[in-house]
Amino acid sequence: MRLEVDEAGARVAAALDETGEIIGLAAAGATRDPDVPTAWELYSINVVAQQQGSGVADDLMQATAGDRDLTLWVAAENARAQRFYDRHGFRIEGATRMQEVTGALEMRMVRRHRAADR
């Protein structure tokens, strides 16, 4: 199996259960936004429904993005994801866009760490 993204230097991580089945995927790398609120972006994070709330997403975010300043886009209607990101220090930044494939409204969230936390 090969997991990759097109952006140079990006990180991709997969979480496997005890049988070797993929239960989560995440990807992060250089921000793709033209206004560059942070240098790094969480492109995606997905966990199978049965594993949500288990800590898998926490581990995937750490594996792909670490503790760096980070930007992401989240569906405006996805309150569960917004609460997850809020627990990880993300705040709604104010920018919005329409997701190209689904047409869903997305909001940009940003996490900034104090220099002492790095």
PDB file of N, CA and C in Angstrom:
ATOM      1  N   MET A   1       0.830  -1.163   0.000  1.00  0.00           N
ATOM      2  CA  MET A   1       0.000   0.000   0.000  1.00  0.00           C
ATOM      3  C   MET A   1       0.887   1.242   0.000  1.00  0.00           C
ATOM      4  N   ARG A   2       0.437   2.281  -0.678  1.00  0.00           N
ATOM      5  CA  ARG A   2       1.188   3.523  -0.732  1.00  0.00           C
ATOM      6  C   ARG A   2       0.237   4.672  -0.452  1.00  0.00           C
ATOM      7  N   LEU A   3       0.579   5.503   0.527  1.00  0.00           N
ATOM      8  CA  LEU A   3      -0.201   6.682   0.874  1.00  0.00           C
ATOM      9  C   LEU A   3       0.652   7.906   0.602  1.00  0.00           C
ATOM     10  N   GLU A   4       0.121   8.860  -0.139  1.00  0.00           N
ATOM     11  CA  GLU A   4       0.901  10.056  -0.426  1.00  0.00           C
ATOM     12  C   GLU A   4      -0.013  11.228  -0.772  1.00  0.00           C
ATOM     13  N   VAL A   5       0.563  12.426  -0.680  1.00  0.00           N
ATOM     14  CA  VAL A   5      -0.081  13.647  -1.142  1.00  0.00           C
ATOM     15  C   VAL A   5       0.880  14.332  -2.083  1.00  0.00           C
ATOM     16  N   ASP A   6       0.379  15.248  -2.883  1.00  0.00           N
ATOM     17  CA  ASP A   6       1.204  15.894  -3.901  1.00  0.00           C
ATOM     18  C   ASP A   6       2.177  16.933  -3.349  1.00  0.00           C
ATOM     19  N   GLU A   7       1.883  17.515  -2.189  1.00  0.00           N
ATOM     20  CA  GLU A   7       2.702  18.594  -1.661  1.00  0.00           C
ATOM     21  C   GLU A   7       4.029  18.059  -1.130  1.00  0.00           C
ATOM     22  N   ALA A   8       5.113  18.690  -1.546  1.00  0.00           N
ATOM     23  CA  ALA A   8       6.453  18.281  -1.102  1.00  0.00           C
ATOM     24  C   ALA A   8       6.574  18.438   0.408  1.00  0.00           C
ATOM     25  N   GLY A   9       7.168  17.471   1.073  1.00  0.00           N
ATOM     26  CA  GLY A   9       7.398  17.540   2.507  1.00  0.00           C
ATOM     27  C   GLY A   9       6.191  17.197   3.358  1.00  0.00           C
ATOM     28  N   ALA A  10       5.087  16.838   2.736  1.00  0.00           N
ATOM     29  CA  ALA A  10       3.882  16.509   3.493  1.00  0.00           C
ATOM     30  C   ALA A  10       4.070  15.199   4.250  1.00  0.00           C
ATOM     31  N   ARG A  11       3.291  15.049   5.309  1.00  0.00           N
ATOM     32  CA  ARG A  11       3.311  13.820   6.101  1.00  0.00           C
ATOM     33  C   ARG A  11       1.951  13.143   6.009  1.00  0.00           C
ATOM     34  N   VAL A  12       1.974  11.834   5.860  1.00  0.00           N
ATOM     35  CA  VAL A  12       0.749  11.030   5.828  1.00  0.00           C
ATOM     36  C   VAL A  12       0.914   9.949   6.886  1.00  0.00           C
ATOM     37  N   ALA A  13      -0.138   9.714   7.659  1.00  0.00           N
ATOM     38  CA  ALA A  13      -0.096   8.671   8.677  1.00  0.00           C
ATOM     39  C   ALA A  13      -1.364   7.838   8.611  1.00  0.00           C
ATOM     40  N   ALA A  14      -1.219   6.558   8.878  1.00  0.00           N
ATOM     41  CA  ALA A  14      -2.356   5.641   8.950  1.00  0.00           C
ATOM     42  C   ALA A  14      -2.349   4.988  10.325  1.00  0.00           C
ATOM     43  N   ALA A  15      -3.543   4.814  10.879  1.00  0.00           N
ATOM     44  CA  ALA A  15      -3.708   4.074  12.132  1.00  0.00           C
ATOM     45  C   ALA A  15      -4.315   2.722  11.794  1.00  0.00           C
ATOM     46  N   LEU A  16      -3.755   1.680  12.369  1.00  0.00           N
ATOM     47  CA  LEU A  16      -4.214   0.318  12.111  1.00  0.00           C
ATOM     48  C   LEU A  16      -4.747  -0.300  13.400  1.00  0.00           C
ATOM     49  N   ASP A  17      -5.757  -1.158  13.263  1.00  0.00           N
ATOM     50  CA  ASP A  17      -6.219  -1.899  14.439  1.00  0.00           C
ATOM     51  C   ASP A  17      -5.361  -3.147  14.615  1.00  0.00           C
ATOM     52  N   GLU A  18      -5.699  -3.965  15.590  1.00  0.00           N
ATOM     53  CA  GLU A  18      -4.881  -5.140  15.901  1.00  0.00           C
ATOM     54  C   GLU A  18      -4.847  -6.178  14.782  1.00  0.00           C
ATOM     55  N   THR A  19      -5.792  -6.102  13.834  1.00  0.00           N
ATOM     56  CA  THR A  19      -5.791  -7.035  12.707  1.00  0.00           C
ATOM     57  C   THR A  19      -5.083  -6.469  11.481  1.00  0.00           C
ATOM     58  N   GLY A  20      -4.629  -5.208  11.565  1.00  0.00           N
ATOM     59  CA  GLY A  20      -3.960  -4.576  10.441  1.00  0.00           C
ATOM     60  C   GLY A  20      -4.881  -3.775   9.537  1.00  0.00           C
ATOM     61  N   GLU A  21      -6.164  -3.683   9.905  1.00  0.00           N
ATOM     62  CA  GLU A  21      -7.108  -2.881   9.118  1.00  0.00           C
ATOM     63  C   GLU A  21      -6.889  -1.396   9.390  1.00  0.00           C
ATOM     64  N   ILE A  22      -6.987  -0.574   8.361  1.00  0.00           N
ATOM     65  CA  ILE A  22      -6.865   0.873   8.526  1.00  0.00           C
ATOM     66  C   ILE A  22      -8.107   1.385   9.236  1.00  0.00           C
ATOM     67  N   ILE A  23      -7.893   2.108  10.337  1.00  0.00           N
ATOM     68  CA  ILE A  23      -8.998   2.709  11.072  1.00  0.00           C
ATOM     69  C   ILE A  23      -8.936   4.232  11.063  1.00  0.00           C
ATOM     70  N   GLY A  24      -7.865   4.790  10.507  1.00  0.00           N
ATOM     71  CA  GLY A  24      -7.750   6.238  10.420  1.00  0.00           C
ATOM     72  C   GLY A  24      -6.621   6.652   9.505  1.00  0.00           C
ATOM     73  N   LEU A  25      -6.793   7.815   8.900  1.00  0.00           N
ATOM     74  CA  LEU A  25      -5.780   8.405   8.020  1.00  0.00           C
ATOM     75  C   LEU A  25      -5.701   9.898   8.288  1.00  0.00           C
ATOM     76  N   ALA A  26      -4.522  10.458   8.149  1.00  0.00           N
ATOM     77  CA  ALA A  26      -4.349  11.908   8.268  1.00  0.00           C
ATOM     78  C   ALA A  26      -3.217  12.338   7.347  1.00  0.00           C
ATOM     79  N   ALA A  27      -3.305  13.603   6.909  1.00  0.00           N
ATOM     80  CA  ALA A  27      -2.250  14.178   6.072  1.00  0.00           C
ATOM     81  C   ALA A  27      -2.089  15.651   6.432  1.00  0.00           C
ATOM     82  N   ALA A  28      -0.849  16.109   6.463  1.00  0.00           N
ATOM     83  CA  ALA A  28      -0.545  17.509   6.759  1.00  0.00           C
ATOM     84  C   ALA A  28       0.715  17.902   6.001  1.00  0.00           C
ATOM     85  N   GLY A  29       0.855  19.199   5.757  1.00  0.00           N
ATOM     86  CA  GLY A  29       2.038  19.695   5.075  1.00  0.00           C
ATOM     87  C   GLY A  29       1.995  21.194   4.934  1.00  0.00           C
ATOM     88  N   ALA A  30       2.794  21.711   4.023  1.00  0.00           N
ATOM     89  CA  ALA A  30       2.860  23.156   3.807  1.00  0.00           C
ATOM     90  C   ALA A  30       1.476  23.698   3.466  1.00  0.00           C
ATOM     91  N   THR A  31       1.149  24.845   4.038  1.00  0.00           N
ATOM     92  CA  THR A  31      -0.175  25.423   3.804  1.00  0.00           C
ATOM     93  C   THR A  31      -0.379  25.720   2.329  1.00  0.00           C
ATOM     94  N   ARG A  32      -1.609  25.558   1.884  1.00  0.00           N
ATOM     95  CA  ARG A  32      -1.957  25.803   0.480  1.00  0.00           C
ATOM     96  C   ARG A  32      -2.741  27.089   0.311  1.00  0.00           C
ATOM     97  N   ASP A  33      -2.992  27.801   1.401  1.00  0.00           N
ATOM     98  CA  ASP A  33      -3.764  29.045   1.336  1.00  0.00           C
ATOM     99  C   ASP A  33      -2.897  30.184   0.822  1.00  0.00           C
ATOM    100  N   PRO A  34      -3.440  31.021  -0.058  1.00  0.00           N
ATOM    101  CA  PRO A  34      -2.648  32.143  -0.569  1.00  0.00           C
ATOM    102  C   PRO A  34      -2.344  33.197   0.496  1.00  0.00           C
ATOM    103  N   ASP A  35      -3.186  33.316   1.533  1.00  0.00           N
ATOM    104  CA  ASP A  35      -2.950  34.317   2.571  1.00  0.00           C
ATOM    105  C   ASP A  35      -2.133  33.765   3.746  1.00  0.00           C
ATOM    106  N   VAL A  36      -1.740  32.512   3.712  1.00  0.00           N
ATOM    107  CA  VAL A  36      -0.779  31.852   4.598  1.00  0.00           C
ATOM    108  C   VAL A  36      -0.887  32.283   6.074  1.00  0.00           C
ATOM    109  N   PRO A  37      -1.943  31.853   6.793  1.00  0.00           N
ATOM    110  CA  PRO A  37      -2.029  32.179   8.216  1.00  0.00           C
ATOM    111  C   PRO A  37      -1.028  31.396   9.066  1.00  0.00           C
ATOM    112  N   THR A  38      -0.613  30.237   8.611  1.00  0.00           N
ATOM    113  CA  THR A  38       0.454  29.452   9.252  1.00  0.00           C
ATOM    114  C   THR A  38       1.230  28.768   8.139  1.00  0.00           C
ATOM    115  N   ALA A  39       2.395  28.281   8.460  1.00  0.00           N
ATOM    116  CA  ALA A  39       3.213  27.607   7.451  1.00  0.00           C
ATOM    117  C   ALA A  39       2.760  26.173   7.201  1.00  0.00           C
ATOM    118  N   TRP A  40       1.999  25.583   8.136  1.00  0.00           N
ATOM    119  CA  TRP A  40       1.626  24.171   8.062  1.00  0.00           C
ATOM    120  C   TRP A  40       0.113  24.040   8.114  1.00  0.00           C
ATOM    121  N   GLU A  41      -0.420  23.061   7.376  1.00  0.00           N
ATOM    122  CA  GLU A  41      -1.867  22.844   7.291  1.00  0.00           C
ATOM    123  C   GLU A  41      -2.195  21.372   7.519  1.00  0.00           C
ATOM    124  N   LEU A  42      -3.237  21.106   8.276  1.00  0.00           N
ATOM    125  CA  LEU A  42      -3.782  19.755   8.387  1.00  0.00           C
ATOM    126  C   LEU A  42      -4.734  19.593   7.213  1.00  0.00           C
ATOM    127  N   TYR A  43      -4.335  18.773   6.229  1.00  0.00           N
ATOM    128  CA  TYR A  43      -5.138  18.599   5.016  1.00  0.00           C
ATOM    129  C   TYR A  43      -6.382  17.763   5.277  1.00  0.00           C
ATOM    130  N   SER A  44      -6.203  16.696   6.036  1.00  0.00           N
ATOM    131  CA  SER A  44      -7.344  15.816   6.304  1.00  0.00           C
ATOM    132  C   SER A  44      -7.046  14.949   7.505  1.00  0.00           C
ATOM    133  N   ILE A  45      -8.109  14.548   8.171  1.00  0.00           N
ATOM    134  CA  ILE A  45      -8.015  13.566   9.240  1.00  0.00           C
ATOM    135  C   ILE A  45      -9.345  12.830   9.258  1.00  0.00           C
ATOM    136  N   ASN A  46      -9.275  11.520   9.147  1.00  0.00           N
ATOM    137  CA  ASN A  46     -10.480  10.695   9.088  1.00  0.00           C
ATOM    138  C   ASN A  46     -10.280   9.453   9.926  1.00  0.00           C
ATOM    139  N   VAL A  47     -11.293   9.133  10.717  1.00  0.00           N
ATOM    140  CA  VAL A  47     -11.276   7.951  11.575  1.00  0.00           C
ATOM    141  C   VAL A  47     -12.604   7.225  11.385  1.00  0.00           C
ATOM    142  N   VAL A  48     -12.567   5.898  11.284  1.00  0.00           N
ATOM    143  CA  VAL A  48     -13.806   5.137  11.121  1.00  0.00           C
ATOM    144  C   VAL A  48     -14.713   5.395  12.323  1.00  0.00           C
ATOM    145  N   ALA A  49     -16.018   5.359  12.090  1.00  0.00           N
ATOM    146  CA  ALA A  49     -17.005   5.717  13.112  1.00  0.00           C
ATOM    147  C   ALA A  49     -16.811   4.944  14.413  1.00  0.00           C
ATOM    148  N   GLN A  50     -16.512   3.658  14.320  1.00  0.00           N
ATOM    149  CA  GLN A  50     -16.379   2.827  15.522  1.00  0.00           C
ATOM    150  C   GLN A  50     -15.207   3.247  16.404  1.00  0.00           C
ATOM    151  N   GLN A  51     -14.239   3.970  15.852  1.00  0.00           N
ATOM    152  CA  GLN A  51     -13.045   4.370  16.595  1.00  0.00           C
ATOM    153  C   GLN A  51     -13.073   5.844  17.011  1.00  0.00           C
ATOM    154  N   GLN A  52     -14.094   6.592  16.590  1.00  0.00           N
ATOM    155  CA  GLN A  52     -14.161   8.000  16.974  1.00  0.00           C
ATOM    156  C   GLN A  52     -14.317   8.101  18.486  1.00  0.00           C
ATOM    157  N   GLY A  53     -13.561   8.998  19.080  1.00  0.00           N
ATOM    158  CA  GLY A  53     -13.563   9.158  20.525  1.00  0.00           C
ATOM    159  C   GLY A  53     -12.558   8.274  21.245  1.00  0.00           C
ATOM    160  N   SER A  54     -11.810   7.482  20.509  1.00  0.00           N
ATOM    161  CA  SER A  54     -10.869   6.530  21.115  1.00  0.00           C
ATOM    162  C   SER A  54      -9.459   7.087  21.296  1.00  0.00           C
ATOM    163  N   GLY A  55      -9.177   8.253  20.739  1.00  0.00           N
ATOM    164  CA  GLY A  55      -7.825   8.815  20.789  1.00  0.00           C
ATOM    165  C   GLY A  55      -7.043   8.619  19.507  1.00  0.00           C
ATOM    166  N   VAL A  56      -7.594   7.873  18.555  1.00  0.00           N
ATOM    167  CA  VAL A  56      -6.899   7.642  17.284  1.00  0.00           C
ATOM    168  C   VAL A  56      -6.641   8.965  16.564  1.00  0.00           C
ATOM    169  N   ALA A  57      -7.630   9.842  16.518  1.00  0.00           N
ATOM    170  CA  ALA A  57      -7.455  11.125  15.826  1.00  0.00           C
ATOM    171  C   ALA A  57      -6.387  11.977  16.493  1.00  0.00           C
ATOM    172  N   ASP A  58      -6.321  11.931  17.825  1.00  0.00           N
ATOM    173  CA  ASP A  58      -5.266  12.664  18.550  1.00  0.00           C
ATOM    174  C   ASP A  58      -3.893  12.182  18.095  1.00  0.00           C
ATOM    175  N   ASP A  59      -3.731  10.860  18.030  1.00  0.00           N
ATOM    176  CA  ASP A  59      -2.447  10.283  17.620  1.00  0.00           C
ATOM    177  C   ASP A  59      -2.113  10.625  16.170  1.00  0.00           C
ATOM    178  N   LEU A  60      -3.108  10.592  15.296  1.00  0.00           N
ATOM    179  CA  LEU A  60      -2.871  10.929  13.888  1.00  0.00           C
ATOM    180  C   LEU A  60      -2.458  12.384  13.724  1.00  0.00           C
ATOM    181  N   MET A  61      -3.110  13.293  14.461  1.00  0.00           N
ATOM    182  CA  MET A  61      -2.733  14.699  14.361  1.00  0.00           C
ATOM    183  C   MET A  61      -1.307  14.908  14.857  1.00  0.00           C
ATOM    184  N   GLN A  62      -0.954  14.251  15.954  1.00  0.00           N
ATOM    185  CA  GLN A  62       0.406  14.378  16.473  1.00  0.00           C
ATOM    186  C   GLN A  62       1.424  13.826  15.476  1.00  0.00           C
ATOM    187  N   ALA A  63       1.111  12.707  14.853  1.00  0.00           N
ATOM    188  CA  ALA A  63       2.038  12.079  13.909  1.00  0.00           C
ATOM    189  C   ALA A  63       2.255  12.917  12.656  1.00  0.00           C
ATOM    190  N   THR A  64       1.237  13.630  12.214  1.00  0.00           N
ATOM    191  CA  THR A  64       1.364  14.391  10.966  1.00  0.00           C
ATOM    192  C   THR A  64       1.741  15.847  11.175  1.00  0.00           C
ATOM    193  N   ALA A  65       1.307  16.453  12.287  1.00  0.00           N
ATOM    194  CA  ALA A  65       1.518  17.890  12.470  1.00  0.00           C
ATOM    195  C   ALA A  65       2.319  18.250  13.709  1.00  0.00           C
ATOM    196  N   GLY A  66       2.386  17.349  14.674  1.00  0.00           N
ATOM    197  CA  GLY A  66       3.115  17.660  15.898  1.00  0.00           C
ATOM    198  C   GLY A  66       2.490  18.825  16.637  1.00  0.00           C
ATOM    199  N   ASP A  67       3.341  19.631  17.253  1.00  0.00           N
ATOM    200  CA  ASP A  67       2.870  20.765  18.053  1.00  0.00           C
ATOM    201  C   ASP A  67       3.024  22.105  17.346  1.00  0.00           C
ATOM    202  N   ARG A  68       3.235  22.087  16.051  1.00  0.00           N
ATOM    203  CA  ARG A  68       3.484  23.335  15.330  1.00  0.00           C
ATOM    204  C   ARG A  68       2.202  24.139  15.145  1.00  0.00           C
ATOM    205  N   ASP A  69       2.368  25.421  14.809  1.00  0.00           N
ATOM    206  CA  ASP A  69       1.239  26.259  14.402  1.00  0.00           C
ATOM    207  C   ASP A  69       0.594  25.586  13.202  1.00  0.00           C
ATOM    208  N   LEU A  70      -0.725  25.610  13.149  1.00  0.00           N
ATOM    209  CA  LEU A  70      -1.418  24.776  12.170  1.00  0.00           C
ATOM    210  C   LEU A  70      -2.730  25.421  11.741  1.00  0.00           C
ATOM    211  N   THR A  71      -3.054  25.274  10.474  1.00  0.00           N
ATOM    212  CA  THR A  71      -4.317  25.734   9.904  1.00  0.00           C
ATOM    213  C   THR A  71      -5.072  24.529   9.383  1.00  0.00           C
ATOM    214  N   LEU A  72      -6.400  24.604   9.405  1.00  0.00           N
ATOM    215  CA  LEU A  72      -7.224  23.567   8.801  1.00  0.00           C
ATOM    216  C   LEU A  72      -8.544  24.167   8.356  1.00  0.00           C
ATOM    217  N   TRP A  73      -9.243  23.439   7.514  1.00  0.00           N
ATOM    218  CA  TRP A  73     -10.589  23.798   7.078  1.00  0.00           C
ATOM    219  C   TRP A  73     -11.541  22.738   7.596  1.00  0.00           C
ATOM    220  N   VAL A  74     -12.667  23.167   8.163  1.00  0.00           N
ATOM    221  CA  VAL A  74     -13.659  22.249   8.711  1.00  0.00           C
ATOM    222  C   VAL A  74     -15.041  22.664   8.213  1.00  0.00           C
ATOM    223  N   ALA A  75     -15.881  21.676   7.946  1.00  0.00           N
ATOM    224  CA  ALA A  75     -17.249  21.969   7.503  1.00  0.00           C
ATOM    225  C   ALA A  75     -17.972  22.748   8.588  1.00  0.00           C
ATOM    226  N   ALA A  76     -18.643  23.819   8.195  1.00  0.00           N
ATOM    227  CA  ALA A  76     -19.362  24.666   9.146  1.00  0.00           C
ATOM    228  C   ALA A  76     -20.421  23.881   9.907  1.00  0.00           C
ATOM    229  N   GLU A  77     -20.974  22.852   9.301  1.00  0.00           N
ATOM    230  CA  GLU A  77     -22.021  22.055   9.939  1.00  0.00           C
ATOM    231  C   GLU A  77     -21.472  20.911  10.791  1.00  0.00           C
ATOM    232  N   ASN A  78     -20.156  20.724  10.834  1.00  0.00           N
ATOM    233  CA  ASN A  78     -19.572  19.596  11.569  1.00  0.00           C
ATOM    234  C   ASN A  78     -19.166  20.034  12.979  1.00  0.00           C
ATOM    235  N   ALA A  79     -20.166  20.133  13.851  1.00  0.00           N
ATOM    236  CA  ALA A  79     -19.924  20.591  15.220  1.00  0.00           C
ATOM    237  C   ALA A  79     -19.001  19.644  15.984  1.00  0.00           C
ATOM    238  N   ARG A  80     -19.120  18.343  15.751  1.00  0.00           N
ATOM    239  CA  ARG A  80     -18.264  17.378  16.455  1.00  0.00           C
ATOM    240  C   ARG A  80     -16.793  17.630  16.130  1.00  0.00           C
ATOM    241  N   ALA A  81     -16.477  17.811  14.852  1.00  0.00           N
ATOM    242  CA  ALA A  81     -15.094  18.077  14.459  1.00  0.00           C
ATOM    243  C   ALA A  81     -14.617  19.403  15.046  1.00  0.00           C
ATOM    244  N   GLN A  82     -15.467  20.403  15.036  1.00  0.00           N
ATOM    245  CA  GLN A  82     -15.077  21.694  15.596  1.00  0.00           C
ATOM    246  C   GLN A  82     -14.751  21.586  17.083  1.00  0.00           C
ATOM    247  N   ARG A  83     -15.522  20.792  17.828  1.00  0.00           N
ATOM    248  CA  ARG A  83     -15.228  20.583  19.252  1.00  0.00           C
ATOM    249  C   ARG A  83     -13.893  19.854  19.420  1.00  0.00           C
ATOM    250  N   PHE A  84     -13.633  18.859  18.574  1.00  0.00           N
ATOM    251  CA  PHE A  84     -12.356  18.147  18.616  1.00  0.00           C
ATOM    252  C   PHE A  84     -11.201  19.122  18.412  1.00  0.00           C
ATOM    253  N   TYR A  85     -11.293  19.937  17.371  1.00  0.00           N
ATOM    254  CA  TYR A  85     -10.214  20.881  17.080  1.00  0.00           C
ATOM    255  C   TYR A  85     -10.088  21.929  18.178  1.00  0.00           C
ATOM    256  N   ASP A  86     -11.196  22.367  18.748  1.00  0.00           N
ATOM    257  CA  ASP A  86     -11.166  23.326  19.843  1.00  0.00           C
ATOM    258  C   ASP A  86     -10.369  22.756  21.025  1.00  0.00           C
ATOM    259  N   ARG A  87     -10.571  21.470  21.337  1.00  0.00           N
ATOM    260  CA  ARG A  87      -9.815  20.817  22.416  1.00  0.00           C
ATOM    261  C   ARG A  87      -8.321  20.793  22.130  1.00  0.00           C
ATOM    262  N   HIS A  88      -7.958  20.865  20.852  1.00  0.00           N
ATOM    263  CA  HIS A  88      -6.546  20.866  20.462  1.00  0.00           C
ATOM    264  C   HIS A  88      -6.009  22.281  20.263  1.00  0.00           C
ATOM    265  N   GLY A  89      -6.744  23.281  20.714  1.00  0.00           N
ATOM    266  CA  GLY A  89      -6.256  24.656  20.677  1.00  0.00           C
ATOM    267  C   GLY A  89      -6.577  25.443  19.427  1.00  0.00           C
ATOM    268  N   PHE A  90      -7.379  24.895  18.532  1.00  0.00           N
ATOM    269  CA  PHE A  90      -7.758  25.625  17.318  1.00  0.00           C
ATOM    270  C   PHE A  90      -8.867  26.617  17.632  1.00  0.00           C
ATOM    271  N   ARG A  91      -8.845  27.743  16.915  1.00  0.00           N
ATOM    272  CA  ARG A  91      -9.891  28.750  17.028  1.00  0.00           C
ATOM    273  C   ARG A  91     -10.362  29.118  15.625  1.00  0.00           C
ATOM    274  N   ILE A  92     -11.637  29.414  15.497  1.00  0.00           N
ATOM    275  CA  ILE A  92     -12.169  29.858  14.204  1.00  0.00           C
ATOM    276  C   ILE A  92     -11.513  31.182  13.874  1.00  0.00           C
ATOM    277  N   GLU A  93     -10.927  31.251  12.705  1.00  0.00           N
ATOM    278  CA  GLU A  93     -10.126  32.403  12.299  1.00  0.00           C
ATOM    279  C   GLU A  93     -10.968  33.438  11.563  1.00  0.00           C
ATOM    280  N   GLY A  94     -12.042  33.040  10.910  1.00  0.00           N
ATOM    281  CA  GLY A  94     -12.924  33.978  10.235  1.00  0.00           C
ATOM    282  C   GLY A  94     -13.080  33.749   8.748  1.00  0.00           C
ATOM    283  N   ALA A  95     -12.088  33.163   8.100  1.00  0.00           N
ATOM    284  CA  ALA A  95     -12.188  32.916   6.657  1.00  0.00           C
ATOM    285  C   ALA A  95     -13.156  31.761   6.399  1.00  0.00           C
ATOM    286  N   THR A  96     -13.897  31.855   5.311  1.00  0.00           N
ATOM    287  CA  THR A  96     -14.795  30.775   4.893  1.00  0.00           C
ATOM    288  C   THR A  96     -14.594  30.526   3.403  1.00  0.00           C
ATOM    289  N   ARG A  97     -15.034  29.355   2.972  1.00  0.00           N
ATOM    290  CA  ARG A  97     -14.991  29.017   1.555  1.00  0.00           C
ATOM    291  C   ARG A  97     -16.020  27.919   1.300  1.00  0.00           C
ATOM    292  N   MET A  98     -16.327  27.707   0.054  1.00  0.00           N
ATOM    293  CA  MET A  98     -17.194  26.606  -0.335  1.00  0.00           C
ATOM    294  C   MET A  98     -16.296  25.445  -0.755  1.00  0.00           C
ATOM    295  N   GLN A  99     -16.556  24.264  -0.220  1.00  0.00           N
ATOM    296  CA  GLN A  99     -15.782  23.079  -0.576  1.00  0.00           C
ATOM    297  C   GLN A  99     -16.092  22.747  -2.030  1.00  0.00           C
ATOM    298  N   GLU A 100     -15.052  22.571  -2.836  1.00  0.00           N
ATOM    299  CA  GLU A 100     -15.214  22.410  -4.283  1.00  0.00           C
ATOM    300  C   GLU A 100     -16.068  21.213  -4.681  1.00  0.00           C
ATOM    301  N   VAL A 101     -15.880  20.083  -4.046  1.00  0.00           N
ATOM    302  CA  VAL A 101     -16.573  18.860  -4.455  1.00  0.00           C
ATOM    303  C   VAL A 101     -18.013  18.820  -3.946  1.00  0.00           C
ATOM    304  N   THR A 102     -18.206  19.121  -2.649  1.00  0.00           N
ATOM    305  CA  THR A 102     -19.526  18.970  -2.040  1.00  0.00           C
ATOM    306  C   THR A 102     -20.354  20.243  -2.018  1.00  0.00           C
ATOM    307  N   GLY A 103     -19.707  21.393  -2.147  1.00  0.00           N
ATOM    308  CA  GLY A 103     -20.412  22.664  -2.032  1.00  0.00           C
ATOM    309  C   GLY A 103     -20.703  23.077  -0.603  1.00  0.00           C
ATOM    310  N   ALA A 104     -20.178  22.327   0.375  1.00  0.00           N
ATOM    311  CA  ALA A 104     -20.399  22.636   1.789  1.00  0.00           C
ATOM    312  C   ALA A 104     -19.582  23.865   2.194  1.00  0.00           C
ATOM    313  N   LEU A 105     -20.145  24.672   3.066  1.00  0.00           N
ATOM    314  CA  LEU A 105     -19.431  25.818   3.613  1.00  0.00           C
ATOM    315  C   LEU A 105     -18.385  25.325   4.601  1.00  0.00           C
ATOM    316  N   GLU A 106     -17.148  25.804   4.458  1.00  0.00           N
ATOM    317  CA  GLU A 106     -16.063  25.458   5.362  1.00  0.00           C
ATOM    318  C   GLU A 106     -15.544  26.705   6.053  1.00  0.00           C
ATOM    319  N   MET A 107     -15.069  26.512   7.282  1.00  0.00           N
ATOM    320  CA  MET A 107     -14.470  27.595   8.058  1.00  0.00           C
ATOM    321  C   MET A 107     -13.010  27.257   8.318  1.00  0.00           C
ATOM    322  N   ARG A 108     -12.178  28.284   8.325  1.00  0.00           N
ATOM    323  CA  ARG A 108     -10.769  28.049   8.633  1.00  0.00           C
ATOM    324  C   ARG A 108     -10.556  28.180  10.137  1.00  0.00           C
ATOM    325  N   MET A 109      -9.822  27.209  10.682  1.00  0.00           N
ATOM    326  CA  MET A 109      -9.434  27.240  12.081  1.00  0.00           C
ATOM    327  C   MET A 109      -7.910  27.267  12.152  1.00  0.00           C
ATOM    328  N   VAL A 110      -7.391  27.948  13.175  1.00  0.00           N
ATOM    329  CA  VAL A 110      -5.948  28.127  13.324  1.00  0.00           C
ATOM    330  C   VAL A 110      -5.548  27.806  14.757  1.00  0.00           C
ATOM    331  N   ARG A 111      -4.429  27.109  14.890  1.00  0.00           N
ATOM    332  CA  ARG A 111      -3.833  26.832  16.196  1.00  0.00           C
ATOM    333  C   ARG A 111      -2.462  27.480  16.227  1.00  0.00           C
ATOM    334  N   ARG A 112      -2.242  28.299  17.232  1.00  0.00           N
ATOM    335  CA  ARG A 112      -0.938  28.920  17.419  1.00  0.00           C
ATOM    336  C   ARG A 112      -0.440  28.568  18.800  1.00  0.00           C
ATOM    337  N   HIS A 113       0.807  28.093  18.869  1.00  0.00           N
ATOM    338  CA  HIS A 113       1.418  27.757  20.150  1.00  0.00           C
ATOM    339  C   HIS A 113       2.324  28.905  20.580  1.00  0.00           C
ATOM    340  N   ARG A 114       2.335  29.165  21.851  1.00  0.00           N
ATOM    341  CA  ARG A 114       3.280  30.144  22.389  1.00  0.00           C
ATOM    342  C   ARG A 114       4.683  29.590  22.220  1.00  0.00           C
ATOM    343  N   ALA A 115       5.635  30.476  22.065  1.00  0.00           N
ATOM    344  CA  ALA A 115       7.029  30.059  21.875  1.00  0.00           C
ATOM    345  C   ALA A 115       7.503  29.166  23.011  1.00  0.00           C
ATOM    346  N   ALA A 116       7.018  29.403  24.229  1.00  0.00           N
ATOM    347  CA  ALA A 116       7.441  28.605  25.387  1.00  0.00           C
ATOM    348  C   ALA A 116       6.937  27.170  25.311  1.00  0.00           C
ATOM    349  N   ASP A 117       5.886  26.926  24.512  1.00  0.00           N
ATOM    350  CA  ASP A 117       5.313  25.597  24.397  1.00  0.00           C
ATOM    351  C   ASP A 117       6.020  24.730  23.355  1.00  0.00           C
ATOM    352  N   ARG A 118       6.913  25.285  22.569  1.00  0.00           N
ATOM    353  CA  ARG A 118       7.546  24.541  21.476  1.00  0.00           C
ATOM    354  C   ARG A 118       8.685  23.697  21.927  1.00  0.00           C
TER     355      ARG A 118
END
